[in-house]
Amino acid sequence: MFRKLIVVCLLLLVAVFAVACSGGGEKATISMIENPWPASELNAAVAKIIIEKELGNPVEIIALDENAQWDALSAGDADANLEVWPSGHGERIAEYIDNLGTVENGGLLGPVGEIGWFVPSYVIEANPALATWEGYADAAADFASAETGDLGRFLGADPSWVQYDEQIIANLGLPFQVVWTGSEDALLAEVSSAYSREEPVLFYFYSPHAIFQQFDLTQVELPAYSDECYADPAMVDCAYPKDNLMKIFSAGLAEKDAAVHTFLANMSYGSDAQIEMLAMLNDGKTVEEAAQAWVDAHEDVWKAWLP
């Protein structure tokens, strides 16, 4: 009997040791948000690869627009988003981060983003006045389409993105109409089609992005940005600000998994990393393939993010 008791005790000790060595059982599933643009998708894919391989947590990717994500993070239905353009979310940052404390500022991702109006450079070469917004006051006919009639066509992308082009156009008194293409891919297809025929096209876009390696584009000069200009969103009539892209987490992430929280807080890379992966997408790689290629080639960078 005594011998059996010793055996049982030894078995229990082995079991306890095994659990301790395995980290205490199953790891929590981490829910990463991706917004509907490629850089956001790539950020989430990079984090997923590293978290699953190095930290052992399963990761699910949730597709949400940049407005809906705040409620999801606040409620704990999602854990993190790695690319927020803060200039478009001042009210939400104040509400969820500063006042409620249900969303955490996860620090800077690294890239500096800038939104602007762009045309192919051949448009400026043909009419130098179109380098600045004043030149568009009498240029509607050059950019008009069947859809816009006498007005010039201004191409927008996904209407869920935070953007102020309709306000800028109206408040500057420009004879243009925003036409929503519906997505970044659809916008790029329209731009590519116009570019191939060397036709005028005016459109919203942003950097960092690999489009600037594909096309020779010029940014149209708008009135200079100021905080006063953006004090009332309905009255915006100036350029977009430059944005230090930030990460946001559910306030419960650190308690849910401290190691993942530390990793995501440490995660930081520059615009070159995003452009490198975005160029891979242009070459036909999927988001997952481009993210994996970057992870494989830059272990020296992401190893420093690990807890």
C-alpha atoms as a PDB file:
ATOM      1  CA  MET A   1       0.000   0.000   0.000  1.00  0.00           C
ATOM      2  CA  PHE A   2       2.804   2.363   0.959  1.00  0.00           C
ATOM      3  CA  ARG A   3       4.608   1.516  -2.260  1.00  0.00           C
ATOM      4  CA  LYS A   4       1.453   2.343  -4.297  1.00  0.00           C
ATOM      5  CA  LEU A   5       1.153   5.664  -2.477  1.00  0.00           C
ATOM      6  CA  ILE A   6       4.730   6.551  -3.405  1.00  0.00           C
ATOM      7  CA  VAL A   7       4.031   5.673  -7.056  1.00  0.00           C
ATOM      8  CA  VAL A   8       0.896   7.854  -7.104  1.00  0.00           C
ATOM      9  CA  CYS A   9       2.771  10.770  -5.569  1.00  0.00           C
ATOM     10  CA  LEU A  10       5.539  10.443  -8.130  1.00  0.00           C
ATOM     11  CA  LEU A  11       3.003  10.420 -10.954  1.00  0.00           C
ATOM     12  CA  LEU A  12       1.364  13.544  -9.560  1.00  0.00           C
ATOM     13  CA  LEU A  13       4.729  15.301  -9.354  1.00  0.00           C
ATOM     14  CA  VAL A  14       5.492  14.384 -12.960  1.00  0.00           C
ATOM     15  CA  ALA A  15       2.096  15.735 -14.054  1.00  0.00           C
ATOM     16  CA  VAL A  16       2.590  19.001 -12.189  1.00  0.00           C
ATOM     17  CA  PHE A  17       6.074  19.385 -13.669  1.00  0.00           C
ATOM     18  CA  ALA A  18       4.757  18.752 -17.192  1.00  0.00           C
ATOM     19  CA  VAL A  19       2.050  21.367 -16.810  1.00  0.00           C
ATOM     20  CA  ALA A  20       4.536  23.882 -15.463  1.00  0.00           C
ATOM     21  CA  CYS A  21       6.909  23.280 -18.336  1.00  0.00           C
ATOM     22  CA  SER A  22       4.130  23.617 -20.895  1.00  0.00           C
ATOM     23  CA  GLY A  23       3.209  27.065 -19.590  1.00  0.00           C
ATOM     24  CA  GLY A  24       0.119  26.067 -17.635  1.00  0.00           C
ATOM     25  CA  GLY A  25      -2.051  24.595 -20.367  1.00  0.00           C
ATOM     26  CA  GLU A  26      -3.701  26.076 -23.447  1.00  0.00           C
ATOM     27  CA  LYS A  27      -2.812  29.640 -24.390  1.00  0.00           C
ATOM     28  CA  ALA A  28      -5.496  32.286 -24.883  1.00  0.00           C
ATOM     29  CA  THR A  29      -6.626  32.979 -28.432  1.00  0.00           C
ATOM     30  CA  ILE A  30      -5.622  36.482 -29.528  1.00  0.00           C
ATOM     31  CA  SER A  31      -8.025  38.409 -31.778  1.00  0.00           C
ATOM     32  CA  MET A  32      -6.210  40.798 -34.129  1.00  0.00           C
ATOM     33  CA  ILE A  33      -8.141  43.428 -36.086  1.00  0.00           C
ATOM     34  CA  GLU A  34      -7.322  44.172 -39.701  1.00  0.00           C
ATOM     35  CA  ASN A  35      -8.784  47.212 -41.451  1.00  0.00           C
ATOM     36  CA  PRO A  36      -9.620  47.224 -45.176  1.00  0.00           C
ATOM     37  CA  TRP A  37      -6.271  48.322 -46.557  1.00  0.00           C
ATOM     38  CA  PRO A  38      -3.193  46.190 -47.320  1.00  0.00           C
ATOM     39  CA  ALA A  39      -0.746  47.647 -44.774  1.00  0.00           C
ATOM     40  CA  SER A  40      -3.168  46.930 -41.938  1.00  0.00           C
ATOM     41  CA  GLU A  41      -3.639  43.381 -43.202  1.00  0.00           C
ATOM     42  CA  LEU A  42       0.135  42.897 -43.416  1.00  0.00           C
ATOM     43  CA  ASN A  43       0.708  44.195 -39.875  1.00  0.00           C
ATOM     44  CA  ALA A  44      -1.803  41.717 -38.495  1.00  0.00           C
ATOM     45  CA  ALA A  45      -0.354  38.868 -40.560  1.00  0.00           C
ATOM     46  CA  VAL A  46       3.194  39.561 -39.329  1.00  0.00           C
ATOM     47  CA  ALA A  47       2.022  39.607 -35.700  1.00  0.00           C
ATOM     48  CA  LYS A  48       0.023  36.402 -36.170  1.00  0.00           C
ATOM     49  CA  ILE A  49       3.001  34.489 -37.591  1.00  0.00           C
ATOM     50  CA  ILE A  50       5.326  35.497 -34.764  1.00  0.00           C
ATOM     51  CA  ILE A  51       2.827  35.129 -31.916  1.00  0.00           C
ATOM     52  CA  GLU A  52       1.774  31.646 -33.013  1.00  0.00           C
ATOM     53  CA  LYS A  53       5.331  30.424 -33.600  1.00  0.00           C
ATOM     54  CA  GLU A  54       7.185  32.083 -30.721  1.00  0.00           C
ATOM     55  CA  LEU A  55       4.560  32.563 -28.012  1.00  0.00           C
ATOM     56  CA  GLY A  56       2.262  29.642 -28.747  1.00  0.00           C
ATOM     57  CA  ASN A  57      -1.034  31.531 -28.799  1.00  0.00           C
ATOM     58  CA  PRO A  58      -3.521  30.852 -31.569  1.00  0.00           C
ATOM     59  CA  VAL A  59      -4.420  34.068 -33.406  1.00  0.00           C
ATOM     60  CA  GLU A  60      -7.644  34.887 -35.220  1.00  0.00           C
ATOM     61  CA  ILE A  61      -7.897  37.804 -37.637  1.00  0.00           C
ATOM     62  CA  ILE A  62     -11.071  39.909 -37.498  1.00  0.00           C
ATOM     63  CA  ALA A  63     -11.903  42.232 -40.407  1.00  0.00           C
ATOM     64  CA  LEU A  64     -13.441  45.477 -39.113  1.00  0.00           C
ATOM     65  CA  ASP A  65     -13.600  49.020 -40.399  1.00  0.00           C
ATOM     66  CA  GLU A  66     -11.650  51.616 -38.480  1.00  0.00           C
ATOM     67  CA  ASN A  67     -14.732  53.065 -36.789  1.00  0.00           C
ATOM     68  CA  ALA A  68     -16.346  49.815 -35.605  1.00  0.00           C
ATOM     69  CA  GLN A  69     -13.094  48.556 -34.097  1.00  0.00           C
ATOM     70  CA  TRP A  70     -13.290  50.896 -31.095  1.00  0.00           C
ATOM     71  CA  ASP A  71     -16.446  49.335 -29.682  1.00  0.00           C
ATOM     72  CA  ALA A  72     -15.041  45.848 -30.278  1.00  0.00           C
ATOM     73  CA  LEU A  73     -11.837  46.622 -28.378  1.00  0.00           C
ATOM     74  CA  SER A  74     -13.701  48.445 -25.621  1.00  0.00           C
ATOM     75  CA  ALA A  75     -15.984  45.451 -25.070  1.00  0.00           C
ATOM     76  CA  GLY A  76     -13.096  42.958 -25.115  1.00  0.00           C
ATOM     77  CA  ASP A  77     -14.413  41.307 -28.285  1.00  0.00           C
ATOM     78  CA  ALA A  78     -11.044  41.984 -29.957  1.00  0.00           C
ATOM     79  CA  ASP A  79      -7.562  42.423 -28.534  1.00  0.00           C
ATOM     80  CA  ALA A  80      -5.524  44.701 -30.758  1.00  0.00           C
ATOM     81  CA  ASN A  81      -5.211  46.737 -33.912  1.00  0.00           C
ATOM     82  CA  LEU A  82      -1.741  47.690 -35.075  1.00  0.00           C
ATOM     83  CA  GLU A  83      -2.366  50.660 -37.396  1.00  0.00           C
ATOM     84  CA  VAL A  84      -4.501  53.610 -36.401  1.00  0.00           C
ATOM     85  CA  TRP A  85      -4.248  57.000 -38.132  1.00  0.00           C
ATOM     86  CA  PRO A  86      -4.868  59.187 -35.066  1.00  0.00           C
ATOM     87  CA  SER A  87      -5.823  62.414 -36.848  1.00  0.00           C
ATOM     88  CA  GLY A  88      -9.108  60.825 -37.895  1.00  0.00           C
ATOM     89  CA  HIS A  89      -9.909  59.457 -34.430  1.00  0.00           C
ATOM     90  CA  GLY A  90      -9.380  62.310 -32.021  1.00  0.00           C
ATOM     91  CA  GLU A  91     -12.848  61.995 -30.483  1.00  0.00           C
ATOM     92  CA  ARG A  92     -12.549  58.216 -30.089  1.00  0.00           C
ATOM     93  CA  ILE A  93      -9.084  58.482 -28.542  1.00  0.00           C
ATOM     94  CA  ALA A  94     -10.473  60.982 -26.025  1.00  0.00           C
ATOM     95  CA  GLU A  95     -13.513  58.825 -25.278  1.00  0.00           C
ATOM     96  CA  TYR A  96     -12.146  55.281 -25.165  1.00  0.00           C
ATOM     97  CA  ILE A  97      -8.525  55.853 -24.093  1.00  0.00           C
ATOM     98  CA  ASP A  98      -8.518  59.051 -22.058  1.00  0.00           C
ATOM     99  CA  ASN A  99     -11.983  58.983 -20.460  1.00  0.00           C
ATOM    100  CA  LEU A 100     -13.303  55.407 -20.302  1.00  0.00           C
ATOM    101  CA  GLY A 101      -9.929  53.665 -20.157  1.00  0.00           C
ATOM    102  CA  THR A 102     -11.380  50.642 -21.975  1.00  0.00           C
ATOM    103  CA  VAL A 103      -8.886  50.929 -24.846  1.00  0.00           C
ATOM    104  CA  GLU A 104      -5.126  51.253 -24.351  1.00  0.00           C
ATOM    105  CA  ASN A 105      -2.710  53.321 -26.393  1.00  0.00           C
ATOM    106  CA  GLY A 106      -0.290  50.611 -27.540  1.00  0.00           C
ATOM    107  CA  GLY A 107       2.443  53.016 -28.657  1.00  0.00           C
ATOM    108  CA  LEU A 108       3.732  53.912 -32.110  1.00  0.00           C
ATOM    109  CA  LEU A 109       3.958  51.371 -34.916  1.00  0.00           C
ATOM    110  CA  GLY A 110       6.775  53.296 -36.585  1.00  0.00           C
ATOM    111  CA  PRO A 111       5.662  54.548 -40.013  1.00  0.00           C
ATOM    112  CA  VAL A 112       4.573  58.142 -40.522  1.00  0.00           C
ATOM    113  CA  GLY A 113       1.479  58.229 -42.707  1.00  0.00           C
ATOM    114  CA  GLU A 114       0.340  61.026 -44.981  1.00  0.00           C
ATOM    115  CA  ILE A 115      -2.897  61.308 -46.948  1.00  0.00           C
ATOM    116  CA  GLY A 116      -3.147  63.592 -49.942  1.00  0.00           C
ATOM    117  CA  TRP A 117      -4.460  64.310 -53.418  1.00  0.00           C
ATOM    118  CA  PHE A 118      -2.464  62.847 -56.283  1.00  0.00           C
ATOM    119  CA  VAL A 119      -2.290  62.995 -60.058  1.00  0.00           C
ATOM    120  CA  PRO A 120       0.063  61.303 -62.519  1.00  0.00           C
ATOM    121  CA  SER A 121       3.078  63.518 -63.094  1.00  0.00           C
ATOM    122  CA  TYR A 122       2.236  63.784 -66.797  1.00  0.00           C
ATOM    123  CA  VAL A 123      -0.829  65.822 -65.780  1.00  0.00           C
ATOM    124  CA  ILE A 124       1.418  68.460 -64.165  1.00  0.00           C
ATOM    125  CA  GLU A 125       3.810  68.408 -67.104  1.00  0.00           C
ATOM    126  CA  ALA A 126       0.913  69.204 -69.438  1.00  0.00           C
ATOM    127  CA  ASN A 127      -0.538  71.888 -67.137  1.00  0.00           C
ATOM    128  CA  PRO A 128       1.767  73.134 -64.355  1.00  0.00           C
ATOM    129  CA  ALA A 129      -1.131  75.048 -62.755  1.00  0.00           C
ATOM    130  CA  LEU A 130      -2.516  71.710 -61.568  1.00  0.00           C
ATOM    131  CA  ALA A 131       0.364  71.322 -59.118  1.00  0.00           C
ATOM    132  CA  THR A 132      -1.719  73.307 -56.595  1.00  0.00           C
ATOM    133  CA  TRP A 133      -5.387  73.271 -55.662  1.00  0.00           C
ATOM    134  CA  GLU A 134      -6.095  76.673 -57.274  1.00  0.00           C
ATOM    135  CA  GLY A 135      -5.534  75.155 -60.696  1.00  0.00           C
ATOM    136  CA  TYR A 136      -8.545  72.883 -60.285  1.00  0.00           C
ATOM    137  CA  ALA A 137     -11.021  75.769 -60.036  1.00  0.00           C
ATOM    138  CA  ASP A 138     -11.392  75.768 -63.826  1.00  0.00           C
ATOM    139  CA  ALA A 139     -10.199  72.242 -64.659  1.00  0.00           C
ATOM    140  CA  ALA A 140     -13.447  70.306 -64.220  1.00  0.00           C
ATOM    141  CA  ALA A 141     -13.802  69.600 -67.938  1.00  0.00           C
ATOM    142  CA  ASP A 142     -10.423  67.841 -68.042  1.00  0.00           C
ATOM    143  CA  PHE A 143     -11.467  65.413 -65.280  1.00  0.00           C
ATOM    144  CA  ALA A 144     -15.204  65.068 -66.000  1.00  0.00           C
ATOM    145  CA  SER A 145     -16.832  61.685 -66.591  1.00  0.00           C
ATOM    146  CA  ALA A 146     -20.233  60.435 -67.631  1.00  0.00           C
ATOM    147  CA  GLU A 147     -20.966  59.895 -63.947  1.00  0.00           C
ATOM    148  CA  THR A 148     -20.102  63.436 -62.869  1.00  0.00           C
ATOM    149  CA  GLY A 149     -21.430  65.441 -65.812  1.00  0.00           C
ATOM    150  CA  ASP A 150     -20.014  68.964 -65.813  1.00  0.00           C
ATOM    151  CA  LEU A 151     -18.105  68.336 -62.593  1.00  0.00           C
ATOM    152  CA  GLY A 152     -14.626  66.880 -62.427  1.00  0.00           C
ATOM    153  CA  ARG A 153     -14.236  63.378 -61.029  1.00  0.00           C
ATOM    154  CA  PHE A 154     -12.305  62.945 -57.797  1.00  0.00           C
ATOM    155  CA  LEU A 155     -11.691  59.270 -57.020  1.00  0.00           C
ATOM    156  CA  GLY A 156     -12.117  58.056 -53.445  1.00  0.00           C
ATOM    157  CA  ALA A 157     -11.568  54.530 -52.183  1.00  0.00           C
ATOM    158  CA  ASP A 158     -13.451  52.818 -49.352  1.00  0.00           C
ATOM    159  CA  PRO A 159     -16.138  55.138 -47.914  1.00  0.00           C
ATOM    160  CA  SER A 160     -15.583  53.632 -44.440  1.00  0.00           C
ATOM    161  CA  TRP A 161     -12.124  55.244 -44.291  1.00  0.00           C
ATOM    162  CA  VAL A 162     -11.861  58.507 -42.379  1.00  0.00           C
ATOM    163  CA  GLN A 163     -11.417  61.136 -45.083  1.00  0.00           C
ATOM    164  CA  TYR A 164     -12.385  64.757 -45.693  1.00  0.00           C
ATOM    165  CA  ASP A 165     -12.226  65.140 -49.463  1.00  0.00           C
ATOM    166  CA  GLU A 166     -15.897  66.038 -49.902  1.00  0.00           C
ATOM    167  CA  GLN A 167     -15.504  68.790 -47.293  1.00  0.00           C
ATOM    168  CA  ILE A 168     -12.229  70.058 -48.782  1.00  0.00           C
ATOM    169  CA  ILE A 169     -13.739  70.213 -52.265  1.00  0.00           C
ATOM    170  CA  ALA A 170     -16.883  71.999 -51.054  1.00  0.00           C
ATOM    171  CA  ASN A 171     -15.099  74.445 -48.753  1.00  0.00           C
ATOM    172  CA  LEU A 172     -12.520  75.380 -51.397  1.00  0.00           C
ATOM    173  CA  GLY A 173     -15.307  75.851 -53.932  1.00  0.00           C
ATOM    174  CA  LEU A 174     -13.889  73.378 -56.437  1.00  0.00           C
ATOM    175  CA  PRO A 175     -16.171  72.013 -59.214  1.00  0.00           C
ATOM    176  CA  PHE A 176     -15.438  68.367 -58.446  1.00  0.00           C
ATOM    177  CA  GLN A 177     -17.438  65.381 -57.199  1.00  0.00           C
ATOM    178  CA  VAL A 178     -16.108  62.481 -55.126  1.00  0.00           C
ATOM    179  CA  VAL A 179     -16.790  59.127 -56.782  1.00  0.00           C
ATOM    180  CA  TRP A 180     -16.337  56.203 -54.402  1.00  0.00           C
ATOM    181  CA  THR A 181     -14.650  53.221 -55.999  1.00  0.00           C
ATOM    182  CA  GLY A 182     -15.449  51.064 -52.941  1.00  0.00           C
ATOM    183  CA  SER A 183     -12.009  49.700 -52.069  1.00  0.00           C
ATOM    184  CA  GLU A 184      -8.311  50.334 -52.449  1.00  0.00           C
ATOM    185  CA  ASP A 185      -8.033  47.645 -55.122  1.00  0.00           C
ATOM    186  CA  ALA A 186     -10.842  49.231 -57.141  1.00  0.00           C
ATOM    187  CA  LEU A 187      -9.246  52.671 -56.808  1.00  0.00           C
ATOM    188  CA  LEU A 188      -5.883  51.342 -57.965  1.00  0.00           C
ATOM    189  CA  ALA A 189      -7.551  49.650 -60.941  1.00  0.00           C
ATOM    190  CA  GLU A 190      -9.112  52.975 -61.984  1.00  0.00           C
ATOM    191  CA  VAL A 191      -5.813  54.815 -61.590  1.00  0.00           C
ATOM    192  CA  SER A 192      -3.918  52.113 -63.492  1.00  0.00           C
ATOM    193  CA  SER A 193      -6.433  52.242 -66.332  1.00  0.00           C
ATOM    194  CA  ALA A 194      -6.184  56.038 -66.636  1.00  0.00           C
ATOM    195  CA  TYR A 195      -2.391  55.905 -66.329  1.00  0.00           C
ATOM    196  CA  SER A 196      -2.079  53.364 -69.134  1.00  0.00           C
ATOM    197  CA  ARG A 197      -3.935  55.777 -71.452  1.00  0.00           C
ATOM    198  CA  GLU A 198      -2.204  58.880 -70.031  1.00  0.00           C
ATOM    199  CA  GLU A 199      -5.581  60.368 -69.101  1.00  0.00           C
ATOM    200  CA  PRO A 200      -6.048  62.929 -66.304  1.00  0.00           C
ATOM    201  CA  VAL A 201      -7.094  61.390 -62.978  1.00  0.00           C
ATOM    202  CA  LEU A 202      -7.278  63.067 -59.552  1.00  0.00           C
ATOM    203  CA  PHE A 203      -7.519  60.800 -56.543  1.00  0.00           C
ATOM    204  CA  TYR A 204      -7.126  60.270 -52.810  1.00  0.00           C
ATOM    205  CA  PHE A 205      -4.164  58.215 -51.682  1.00  0.00           C
ATOM    206  CA  TYR A 206      -1.667  57.817 -48.878  1.00  0.00           C
ATOM    207  CA  SER A 207       1.896  56.921 -48.038  1.00  0.00           C
ATOM    208  CA  PRO A 208       3.714  54.727 -47.226  1.00  0.00           C
ATOM    209  CA  HIS A 209       2.612  52.576 -50.146  1.00  0.00           C
ATOM    210  CA  ALA A 210       4.233  50.690 -53.017  1.00  0.00           C
ATOM    211  CA  ILE A 211       2.085  52.565 -55.571  1.00  0.00           C
ATOM    212  CA  PHE A 212       4.830  55.193 -55.715  1.00  0.00           C
ATOM    213  CA  GLN A 213       7.249  52.579 -57.022  1.00  0.00           C
ATOM    214  CA  GLN A 214       4.726  51.608 -59.702  1.00  0.00           C
ATOM    215  CA  PHE A 215       3.564  55.008 -60.956  1.00  0.00           C
ATOM    216  CA  ASP A 216       5.165  58.446 -61.283  1.00  0.00           C
ATOM    217  CA  LEU A 217       2.763  60.528 -59.194  1.00  0.00           C
ATOM    218  CA  THR A 218       2.721  64.108 -57.927  1.00  0.00           C
ATOM    219  CA  GLN A 219       0.955  65.251 -54.774  1.00  0.00           C
ATOM    220  CA  VAL A 220      -1.301  68.262 -55.282  1.00  0.00           C
ATOM    221  CA  GLU A 221      -0.507  71.120 -52.932  1.00  0.00           C
ATOM    222  CA  LEU A 222      -3.493  71.983 -50.714  1.00  0.00           C
ATOM    223  CA  PRO A 223      -3.661  74.837 -48.191  1.00  0.00           C
ATOM    224  CA  ALA A 224      -1.325  74.068 -45.303  1.00  0.00           C
ATOM    225  CA  TYR A 225      -2.636  71.932 -42.450  1.00  0.00           C
ATOM    226  CA  SER A 226      -3.509  73.562 -39.136  1.00  0.00           C
ATOM    227  CA  ASP A 227      -5.240  72.349 -35.989  1.00  0.00           C
ATOM    228  CA  GLU A 228      -7.779  75.142 -36.431  1.00  0.00           C
ATOM    229  CA  CYS A 229      -8.658  73.856 -39.890  1.00  0.00           C
ATOM    230  CA  TYR A 230      -9.674  70.494 -38.422  1.00  0.00           C
ATOM    231  CA  ALA A 231     -11.450  71.875 -35.337  1.00  0.00           C
ATOM    232  CA  ASP A 232     -14.789  71.436 -37.147  1.00  0.00           C
ATOM    233  CA  PRO A 233     -14.811  68.431 -39.494  1.00  0.00           C
ATOM    234  CA  ALA A 234     -17.517  69.993 -41.633  1.00  0.00           C
ATOM    235  CA  MET A 235     -15.325  73.019 -42.350  1.00  0.00           C
ATOM    236  CA  VAL A 236     -12.048  71.294 -43.309  1.00  0.00           C
ATOM    237  CA  ASP A 237     -10.434  73.121 -46.232  1.00  0.00           C
ATOM    238  CA  CYS A 238      -6.745  72.253 -45.964  1.00  0.00           C
ATOM    239  CA  ALA A 239      -4.247  69.416 -46.313  1.00  0.00           C
ATOM    240  CA  TYR A 240      -4.333  66.293 -44.205  1.00  0.00           C
ATOM    241  CA  PRO A 241      -1.878  66.148 -41.286  1.00  0.00           C
ATOM    242  CA  LYS A 242       1.046  63.775 -41.127  1.00  0.00           C
ATOM    243  CA  ASP A 243       0.197  60.890 -38.806  1.00  0.00           C
ATOM    244  CA  ASN A 244       2.445  58.913 -36.479  1.00  0.00           C
ATOM    245  CA  LEU A 245       0.668  55.569 -36.841  1.00  0.00           C
ATOM    246  CA  MET A 246      -0.287  54.083 -33.476  1.00  0.00           C
ATOM    247  CA  LYS A 247      -1.434  50.747 -32.036  1.00  0.00           C
ATOM    248  CA  ILE A 248      -4.485  50.264 -29.832  1.00  0.00           C
ATOM    249  CA  PHE A 249      -5.276  47.356 -27.492  1.00  0.00           C
ATOM    250  CA  SER A 250      -8.180  46.218 -25.418  1.00  0.00           C
ATOM    251  CA  ALA A 251      -7.555  47.351 -21.845  1.00  0.00           C
ATOM    252  CA  GLY A 252      -7.816  43.703 -20.797  1.00  0.00           C
ATOM    253  CA  LEU A 253      -5.055  42.384 -23.057  1.00  0.00           C
ATOM    254  CA  ALA A 254      -2.246  42.605 -20.482  1.00  0.00           C
ATOM    255  CA  GLU A 255      -4.267  40.534 -18.024  1.00  0.00           C
ATOM    256  CA  LYS A 256      -5.370  38.104 -20.718  1.00  0.00           C
ATOM    257  CA  ASP A 257      -1.779  37.396 -21.806  1.00  0.00           C
ATOM    258  CA  ALA A 258       1.109  39.504 -20.535  1.00  0.00           C
ATOM    259  CA  ALA A 259       3.625  38.065 -23.002  1.00  0.00           C
ATOM    260  CA  VAL A 260       1.482  38.904 -26.041  1.00  0.00           C
ATOM    261  CA  HIS A 261       0.828  42.368 -24.645  1.00  0.00           C
ATOM    262  CA  THR A 262       4.567  42.964 -24.247  1.00  0.00           C
ATOM    263  CA  PHE A 263       5.280  41.678 -27.750  1.00  0.00           C
ATOM    264  CA  LEU A 264       2.659  43.889 -29.406  1.00  0.00           C
ATOM    265  CA  ALA A 265       3.723  46.920 -27.367  1.00  0.00           C
ATOM    266  CA  ASN A 266       7.303  46.333 -28.573  1.00  0.00           C
ATOM    267  CA  MET A 267       6.332  45.737 -32.200  1.00  0.00           C
ATOM    268  CA  SER A 268       7.711  48.578 -34.294  1.00  0.00           C
ATOM    269  CA  TYR A 269       9.068  48.897 -37.798  1.00  0.00           C
ATOM    270  CA  GLY A 270       9.526  51.681 -40.294  1.00  0.00           C
ATOM    271  CA  SER A 271       7.866  52.626 -43.543  1.00  0.00           C
ATOM    272  CA  ASP A 272      10.468  50.606 -45.467  1.00  0.00           C
ATOM    273  CA  ALA A 273       9.152  47.371 -43.939  1.00  0.00           C
ATOM    274  CA  GLN A 274       5.612  48.085 -45.076  1.00  0.00           C
ATOM    275  CA  ILE A 275       6.737  49.192 -48.528  1.00  0.00           C
ATOM    276  CA  GLU A 276       8.828  46.014 -48.871  1.00  0.00           C
ATOM    277  CA  MET A 277       5.787  43.834 -48.164  1.00  0.00           C
ATOM    278  CA  LEU A 278       3.416  45.959 -50.246  1.00  0.00           C
ATOM    279  CA  ALA A 279       5.758  45.569 -53.213  1.00  0.00           C
ATOM    280  CA  MET A 280       5.512  41.796 -52.777  1.00  0.00           C
ATOM    281  CA  LEU A 281       1.724  42.086 -53.095  1.00  0.00           C
ATOM    282  CA  ASN A 282       2.220  43.916 -56.396  1.00  0.00           C
ATOM    283  CA  ASP A 283       4.406  41.002 -57.508  1.00  0.00           C
ATOM    284  CA  GLY A 284       1.554  38.558 -56.873  1.00  0.00           C
ATOM    285  CA  LYS A 285       2.203  37.309 -53.336  1.00  0.00           C
ATOM    286  CA  THR A 286      -0.701  36.956 -50.920  1.00  0.00           C
ATOM    287  CA  VAL A 287      -0.773  38.931 -47.681  1.00  0.00           C
ATOM    288  CA  GLU A 288       0.251  35.803 -45.782  1.00  0.00           C
ATOM    289  CA  GLU A 289       3.108  35.021 -48.184  1.00  0.00           C
ATOM    290  CA  ALA A 290       4.440  38.583 -48.064  1.00  0.00           C
ATOM    291  CA  ALA A 291       4.270  38.663 -44.256  1.00  0.00           C
ATOM    292  CA  GLN A 292       6.042  35.303 -44.003  1.00  0.00           C
ATOM    293  CA  ALA A 293       8.761  36.441 -46.410  1.00  0.00           C
ATOM    294  CA  TRP A 294       9.356  39.553 -44.311  1.00  0.00           C
ATOM    295  CA  VAL A 295       9.471  37.525 -41.077  1.00  0.00           C
ATOM    296  CA  ASP A 296      11.919  35.065 -42.629  1.00  0.00           C
ATOM    297  CA  ALA A 297      14.211  37.859 -43.822  1.00  0.00           C
ATOM    298  CA  HIS A 298      14.161  40.074 -40.718  1.00  0.00           C
ATOM    299  CA  GLU A 299      14.542  37.859 -37.667  1.00  0.00           C
ATOM    300  CA  ASP A 300      17.011  40.390 -36.273  1.00  0.00           C
ATOM    301  CA  VAL A 301      14.213  42.968 -36.140  1.00  0.00           C
ATOM    302  CA  TRP A 302      11.328  41.008 -34.644  1.00  0.00           C
ATOM    303  CA  LYS A 303      13.388  39.000 -32.168  1.00  0.00           C
ATOM    304  CA  ALA A 304      13.814  42.237 -30.238  1.00  0.00           C
ATOM    305  CA  TRP A 305      10.012  42.495 -29.849  1.00  0.00           C
ATOM    306  CA  LEU A 306       9.723  39.251 -27.906  1.00  0.00           C
ATOM    307  CA  PRO A 307       9.304  39.414 -24.098  1.00  0.00           C
END
